[in-house]
């Protein structure tokens, strides 16, 4: 009854390329990737209990958080956010999460 979603980066699943744009576009793609995984497994954002957000630069936190919050309009899960030196493919954001039914 638990789903562990490993770190998602802003890869477009149709092209396998990083989405163009900045932190807003990249966060949206990450969250849409998470949404697709949740739906395929029979879960939803309401089932997420914990997220870890990795950012290449903490100055992007507010913009990332604005997009992130739209996916959790009520009762957002516990979250940790960290700045890291480098993310895969030099993306701006990576998010992992845990969902429970």
C-alpha atoms as a PDB file:
ATOM      1  CA  UNK A   1       0.000   0.000   0.000  1.00  0.00           C
ATOM      2  CA  UNK A   2       3.028   2.278  -0.450  1.00  0.00           C
ATOM      3  CA  UNK A   3       4.415   3.784  -3.632  1.00  0.00           C
ATOM      4  CA  UNK A   4       7.947   5.170  -3.731  1.00  0.00           C
ATOM      5  CA  UNK A   5       8.538   7.459  -6.702  1.00  0.00           C
ATOM      6  CA  UNK A   6      12.216   7.976  -7.351  1.00  0.00           C
ATOM      7  CA  UNK A   7      13.529  11.415  -8.230  1.00  0.00           C
ATOM      8  CA  UNK A   8      11.787  12.792 -11.294  1.00  0.00           C
ATOM      9  CA  UNK A   9      13.518  15.300 -13.510  1.00  0.00           C
ATOM     10  CA  UNK A  10      11.871  17.412 -16.239  1.00  0.00           C
ATOM     11  CA  UNK A  11      12.164  14.893 -19.055  1.00  0.00           C
ATOM     12  CA  UNK A  12       9.401  15.038 -21.621  1.00  0.00           C
ATOM     13  CA  UNK A  13       8.290  11.378 -21.841  1.00  0.00           C
ATOM     14  CA  UNK A  14       7.407  11.766 -25.513  1.00  0.00           C
ATOM     15  CA  UNK A  15      10.819  13.091 -26.592  1.00  0.00           C
ATOM     16  CA  UNK A  16      13.108  11.967 -23.740  1.00  0.00           C
ATOM     17  CA  UNK A  17      14.509  15.506 -23.743  1.00  0.00           C
ATOM     18  CA  UNK A  18      14.634  18.087 -20.981  1.00  0.00           C
ATOM     19  CA  UNK A  19      11.807  20.617 -21.348  1.00  0.00           C
ATOM     20  CA  UNK A  20      12.818  24.070 -22.454  1.00  0.00           C
ATOM     21  CA  UNK A  21      12.379  27.028 -20.153  1.00  0.00           C
ATOM     22  CA  UNK A  22      13.202  27.825 -16.577  1.00  0.00           C
ATOM     23  CA  UNK A  23      12.236  26.554 -13.159  1.00  0.00           C
ATOM     24  CA  UNK A  24       8.496  27.047 -13.711  1.00  0.00           C
ATOM     25  CA  UNK A  25       8.413  24.911 -16.853  1.00  0.00           C
ATOM     26  CA  UNK A  26      10.754  22.326 -15.353  1.00  0.00           C
ATOM     27  CA  UNK A  27       8.737  22.007 -12.130  1.00  0.00           C
ATOM     28  CA  UNK A  28       5.513  21.642 -14.108  1.00  0.00           C
ATOM     29  CA  UNK A  29       7.024  18.818 -16.159  1.00  0.00           C
ATOM     30  CA  UNK A  30       8.326  17.070 -13.025  1.00  0.00           C
ATOM     31  CA  UNK A  31       4.912  17.277 -11.386  1.00  0.00           C
ATOM     32  CA  UNK A  32       3.201  16.006 -14.537  1.00  0.00           C
ATOM     33  CA  UNK A  33       5.637  13.077 -14.632  1.00  0.00           C
ATOM     34  CA  UNK A  34       4.788  12.304 -11.000  1.00  0.00           C
ATOM     35  CA  UNK A  35       1.076  12.578 -11.817  1.00  0.00           C
ATOM     36  CA  UNK A  36       1.446  10.031 -14.642  1.00  0.00           C
ATOM     37  CA  UNK A  37       3.239   7.573 -12.340  1.00  0.00           C
ATOM     38  CA  UNK A  38       0.626   8.032  -9.607  1.00  0.00           C
ATOM     39  CA  UNK A  39      -2.267   7.476 -12.012  1.00  0.00           C
ATOM     40  CA  UNK A  40      -0.659   4.414 -13.607  1.00  0.00           C
ATOM     41  CA  UNK A  41      -0.271   2.877 -10.140  1.00  0.00           C
ATOM     42  CA  UNK A  42      -3.806   3.796  -9.054  1.00  0.00           C
ATOM     43  CA  UNK A  43      -2.812   6.631  -6.724  1.00  0.00           C
ATOM     44  CA  UNK A  44      -3.341  10.398  -6.741  1.00  0.00           C
ATOM     45  CA  UNK A  45      -1.660  13.471  -5.281  1.00  0.00           C
ATOM     46  CA  UNK A  46      -3.941  13.097  -2.242  1.00  0.00           C
ATOM     47  CA  UNK A  47      -2.057   9.876  -1.423  1.00  0.00           C
ATOM     48  CA  UNK A  48       1.368  11.548  -1.256  1.00  0.00           C
ATOM     49  CA  UNK A  49       2.652  11.818   2.316  1.00  0.00           C
ATOM     50  CA  UNK A  50       6.239  13.021   1.740  1.00  0.00           C
ATOM     51  CA  UNK A  51       8.211  14.814  -0.988  1.00  0.00           C
ATOM     52  CA  UNK A  52      11.842  15.703  -1.281  1.00  0.00           C
ATOM     53  CA  UNK A  53      12.655  18.575  -3.628  1.00  0.00           C
ATOM     54  CA  UNK A  54      16.180  19.023  -4.903  1.00  0.00           C
ATOM     55  CA  UNK A  55      17.087  22.348  -6.470  1.00  0.00           C
ATOM     56  CA  UNK A  56      20.216  23.423  -8.274  1.00  0.00           C
ATOM     57  CA  UNK A  57      19.808  26.867  -6.681  1.00  0.00           C
ATOM     58  CA  UNK A  58      17.687  27.824  -3.666  1.00  0.00           C
ATOM     59  CA  UNK A  59      16.888  31.138  -5.326  1.00  0.00           C
ATOM     60  CA  UNK A  60      14.480  29.045  -7.458  1.00  0.00           C
ATOM     61  CA  UNK A  61      12.574  27.826  -4.394  1.00  0.00           C
ATOM     62  CA  UNK A  62       9.735  30.358  -4.527  1.00  0.00           C
ATOM     63  CA  UNK A  63       8.999  29.785  -8.220  1.00  0.00           C
ATOM     64  CA  UNK A  64       9.200  25.999  -7.740  1.00  0.00           C
ATOM     65  CA  UNK A  65       6.941  26.247  -4.699  1.00  0.00           C
ATOM     66  CA  UNK A  66       4.320  28.244  -6.606  1.00  0.00           C
ATOM     67  CA  UNK A  67       3.958  25.441  -9.172  1.00  0.00           C
ATOM     68  CA  UNK A  68       4.281  22.673  -6.560  1.00  0.00           C
ATOM     69  CA  UNK A  69       1.461  24.189  -4.460  1.00  0.00           C
ATOM     70  CA  UNK A  70      -1.000  23.978  -7.362  1.00  0.00           C
ATOM     71  CA  UNK A  71      -0.768  20.175  -7.179  1.00  0.00           C
ATOM     72  CA  UNK A  72      -1.524  20.171  -3.436  1.00  0.00           C
ATOM     73  CA  UNK A  73      -4.352  22.700  -2.949  1.00  0.00           C
ATOM     74  CA  UNK A  74      -5.335  21.126   0.394  1.00  0.00           C
ATOM     75  CA  UNK A  75      -3.368  19.244   3.031  1.00  0.00           C
ATOM     76  CA  UNK A  76       0.061  19.316   1.375  1.00  0.00           C
ATOM     77  CA  UNK A  77       2.390  16.485   2.327  1.00  0.00           C
ATOM     78  CA  UNK A  78       5.490  16.818   4.473  1.00  0.00           C
ATOM     79  CA  UNK A  79       8.329  18.179   2.386  1.00  0.00           C
ATOM     80  CA  UNK A  80      12.041  18.800   2.512  1.00  0.00           C
ATOM     81  CA  UNK A  81      13.862  21.024   0.040  1.00  0.00           C
ATOM     82  CA  UNK A  82      17.601  21.093  -0.511  1.00  0.00           C
ATOM     83  CA  UNK A  83      20.039  22.842  -2.794  1.00  0.00           C
ATOM     84  CA  UNK A  84      22.512  20.459  -4.365  1.00  0.00           C
ATOM     85  CA  UNK A  85      25.625  21.138  -6.361  1.00  0.00           C
ATOM     86  CA  UNK A  86      24.529  19.379  -9.555  1.00  0.00           C
ATOM     87  CA  UNK A  87      21.455  17.470 -10.700  1.00  0.00           C
ATOM     88  CA  UNK A  88      21.293  14.905 -13.523  1.00  0.00           C
ATOM     89  CA  UNK A  89      21.573  16.467 -16.973  1.00  0.00           C
ATOM     90  CA  UNK A  90      22.074  19.835 -15.235  1.00  0.00           C
ATOM     91  CA  UNK A  91      18.337  20.281 -14.640  1.00  0.00           C
ATOM     92  CA  UNK A  92      17.051  22.871 -12.171  1.00  0.00           C
ATOM     93  CA  UNK A  93      14.781  20.598 -10.105  1.00  0.00           C
ATOM     94  CA  UNK A  94      14.248  16.963  -9.121  1.00  0.00           C
ATOM     95  CA  UNK A  95      11.411  15.736  -6.910  1.00  0.00           C
ATOM     96  CA  UNK A  96      10.854  12.346  -5.284  1.00  0.00           C
ATOM     97  CA  UNK A  97       7.862  11.300  -3.222  1.00  0.00           C
ATOM     98  CA  UNK A  98       6.166   8.628  -1.171  1.00  0.00           C
ATOM     99  CA  UNK A  99       2.458   7.836  -1.484  1.00  0.00           C
ATOM    100  CA  UNK A 100       0.338   5.665   0.811  1.00  0.00           C
ATOM    101  CA  UNK A 101      -3.167   4.246   0.353  1.00  0.00           C
END
